[in-house]
């Protein structure tokens, strides 16, 4: 199962790692940046994100969220639509 497993960091696990929204984005949101358009793969607390396309190929390793970034769709609608269209085309 894929997901965010590590929930704390620090020597005594005193620092909580944010797993929800960070700068208004969640994981797998579809966004558009000057570096490219893709899904949020990884989040960093400094405001940088890793971007990937629908097939999991890396678009940009550290795109800055603070500069000209637009969230196009949320994660649930786009991923389910892509999965349905991929399964429909392969079953033909």
C-alpha atoms as a PDB file:
ATOM      1  CA  UNK A   1       0.000   0.000   0.000  1.00  0.00           C
ATOM      2  CA  UNK A   2       1.320   3.407  -0.911  1.00  0.00           C
ATOM      3  CA  UNK A   3       1.027   6.330   1.471  1.00  0.00           C
ATOM      4  CA  UNK A   4       2.755   8.556   3.964  1.00  0.00           C
ATOM      5  CA  UNK A   5       4.174   6.156   6.518  1.00  0.00           C
ATOM      6  CA  UNK A   6       6.586   8.355   8.448  1.00  0.00           C
ATOM      7  CA  UNK A   7       4.531  10.629  10.691  1.00  0.00           C
ATOM      8  CA  UNK A   8       7.203  12.148  12.955  1.00  0.00           C
ATOM      9  CA  UNK A   9      10.853  13.074  12.804  1.00  0.00           C
ATOM     10  CA  UNK A  10      13.460  14.150  15.291  1.00  0.00           C
ATOM     11  CA  UNK A  11      15.543  12.262  17.814  1.00  0.00           C
ATOM     12  CA  UNK A  12      12.584  11.703  20.157  1.00  0.00           C
ATOM     13  CA  UNK A  13       9.830  11.891  17.511  1.00  0.00           C
ATOM     14  CA  UNK A  14       8.834  15.329  18.724  1.00  0.00           C
ATOM     15  CA  UNK A  15       8.386  16.938  15.285  1.00  0.00           C
ATOM     16  CA  UNK A  16       5.192  16.089  13.430  1.00  0.00           C
ATOM     17  CA  UNK A  17       5.464  15.841   9.623  1.00  0.00           C
ATOM     18  CA  UNK A  18       2.530  17.541   7.851  1.00  0.00           C
ATOM     19  CA  UNK A  19       0.478  15.029   5.861  1.00  0.00           C
ATOM     20  CA  UNK A  20      -2.551  17.145   4.930  1.00  0.00           C
ATOM     21  CA  UNK A  21      -2.592  20.371   2.964  1.00  0.00           C
ATOM     22  CA  UNK A  22       0.645  22.293   2.614  1.00  0.00           C
ATOM     23  CA  UNK A  23       0.428  25.696   0.907  1.00  0.00           C
ATOM     24  CA  UNK A  24      -3.112  24.794  -0.164  1.00  0.00           C
ATOM     25  CA  UNK A  25      -2.142  21.571  -1.959  1.00  0.00           C
ATOM     26  CA  UNK A  26      -2.387  17.891  -1.142  1.00  0.00           C
ATOM     27  CA  UNK A  27      -0.535  14.964  -2.634  1.00  0.00           C
ATOM     28  CA  UNK A  28      -1.723  13.987  -6.134  1.00  0.00           C
ATOM     29  CA  UNK A  29      -3.371  17.355  -6.863  1.00  0.00           C
ATOM     30  CA  UNK A  30      -3.115  18.327 -10.543  1.00  0.00           C
ATOM     31  CA  UNK A  31      -1.232  21.648 -10.801  1.00  0.00           C
ATOM     32  CA  UNK A  32       0.279  23.893 -13.456  1.00  0.00           C
ATOM     33  CA  UNK A  33       3.654  25.570 -12.911  1.00  0.00           C
ATOM     34  CA  UNK A  34       6.177  27.277 -15.215  1.00  0.00           C
ATOM     35  CA  UNK A  35       8.232  24.036 -15.019  1.00  0.00           C
ATOM     36  CA  UNK A  36       5.323  21.950 -16.333  1.00  0.00           C
ATOM     37  CA  UNK A  37       1.886  20.542 -15.621  1.00  0.00           C
ATOM     38  CA  UNK A  38       1.546  17.458 -13.472  1.00  0.00           C
ATOM     39  CA  UNK A  39       0.621  15.820 -10.198  1.00  0.00           C
ATOM     40  CA  UNK A  40       2.131  16.626  -6.801  1.00  0.00           C
ATOM     41  CA  UNK A  41       4.254  13.619  -5.913  1.00  0.00           C
ATOM     42  CA  UNK A  42       6.071  14.890  -2.834  1.00  0.00           C
ATOM     43  CA  UNK A  43       5.759  17.923  -0.587  1.00  0.00           C
ATOM     44  CA  UNK A  44       8.459  19.856   1.215  1.00  0.00           C
ATOM     45  CA  UNK A  45       7.824  22.260   4.078  1.00  0.00           C
ATOM     46  CA  UNK A  46       9.978  24.889   2.349  1.00  0.00           C
ATOM     47  CA  UNK A  47       7.412  25.319  -0.430  1.00  0.00           C
ATOM     48  CA  UNK A  48       8.901  23.049  -3.085  1.00  0.00           C
ATOM     49  CA  UNK A  49       7.103  20.071  -4.636  1.00  0.00           C
ATOM     50  CA  UNK A  50       8.025  17.106  -6.791  1.00  0.00           C
ATOM     51  CA  UNK A  51       5.920  16.861  -9.969  1.00  0.00           C
ATOM     52  CA  UNK A  52       5.095  13.723 -11.975  1.00  0.00           C
ATOM     53  CA  UNK A  53       2.820  12.878 -14.884  1.00  0.00           C
ATOM     54  CA  UNK A  54      -0.038  10.346 -14.829  1.00  0.00           C
ATOM     55  CA  UNK A  55       2.336   7.479 -15.616  1.00  0.00           C
ATOM     56  CA  UNK A  56       4.617   8.294 -12.670  1.00  0.00           C
ATOM     57  CA  UNK A  57       7.454   9.808 -14.718  1.00  0.00           C
ATOM     58  CA  UNK A  58       9.242  12.731 -13.095  1.00  0.00           C
ATOM     59  CA  UNK A  59       8.534  16.166 -14.596  1.00  0.00           C
ATOM     60  CA  UNK A  60      10.426  18.316 -12.079  1.00  0.00           C
ATOM     61  CA  UNK A  61      12.144  17.359  -8.828  1.00  0.00           C
ATOM     62  CA  UNK A  62      11.661  20.636  -6.951  1.00  0.00           C
ATOM     63  CA  UNK A  63       9.093  23.044  -8.389  1.00  0.00           C
ATOM     64  CA  UNK A  64       8.441  26.154  -6.296  1.00  0.00           C
ATOM     65  CA  UNK A  65       4.827  26.445  -5.173  1.00  0.00           C
ATOM     66  CA  UNK A  66       5.133  30.136  -4.338  1.00  0.00           C
ATOM     67  CA  UNK A  67       5.710  31.271  -7.923  1.00  0.00           C
ATOM     68  CA  UNK A  68       2.931  31.150 -10.554  1.00  0.00           C
ATOM     69  CA  UNK A  69       1.294  27.895  -9.480  1.00  0.00           C
ATOM     70  CA  UNK A  70      -2.345  27.080 -10.236  1.00  0.00           C
ATOM     71  CA  UNK A  71      -4.243  24.078  -8.889  1.00  0.00           C
ATOM     72  CA  UNK A  72      -6.245  22.732 -11.820  1.00  0.00           C
ATOM     73  CA  UNK A  73      -8.169  19.887 -10.149  1.00  0.00           C
ATOM     74  CA  UNK A  74      -8.227  18.014  -6.887  1.00  0.00           C
ATOM     75  CA  UNK A  75      -6.691  14.603  -6.628  1.00  0.00           C
ATOM     76  CA  UNK A  76      -9.733  12.330  -6.498  1.00  0.00           C
ATOM     77  CA  UNK A  77     -11.511  13.409  -9.680  1.00  0.00           C
ATOM     78  CA  UNK A  78      -8.526  13.380 -12.016  1.00  0.00           C
ATOM     79  CA  UNK A  79      -6.991  10.111 -10.849  1.00  0.00           C
ATOM     80  CA  UNK A  80     -10.264   8.186 -11.067  1.00  0.00           C
ATOM     81  CA  UNK A  81     -11.046   9.614 -14.510  1.00  0.00           C
ATOM     82  CA  UNK A  82      -7.620   8.612 -15.819  1.00  0.00           C
ATOM     83  CA  UNK A  83      -7.907   5.122 -14.323  1.00  0.00           C
ATOM     84  CA  UNK A  84     -11.342   4.575 -15.885  1.00  0.00           C
ATOM     85  CA  UNK A  85     -10.225   5.768 -19.315  1.00  0.00           C
ATOM     86  CA  UNK A  86      -7.111   3.586 -19.178  1.00  0.00           C
ATOM     87  CA  UNK A  87      -9.113   0.494 -18.243  1.00  0.00           C
ATOM     88  CA  UNK A  88     -11.710   1.181 -20.952  1.00  0.00           C
ATOM     89  CA  UNK A  89      -9.090   1.481 -23.676  1.00  0.00           C
ATOM     90  CA  UNK A  90      -7.249  -1.680 -22.607  1.00  0.00           C
ATOM     91  CA  UNK A  91     -10.423  -3.808 -22.510  1.00  0.00           C
ATOM     92  CA  UNK A  92     -11.220  -3.133 -26.183  1.00  0.00           C
END
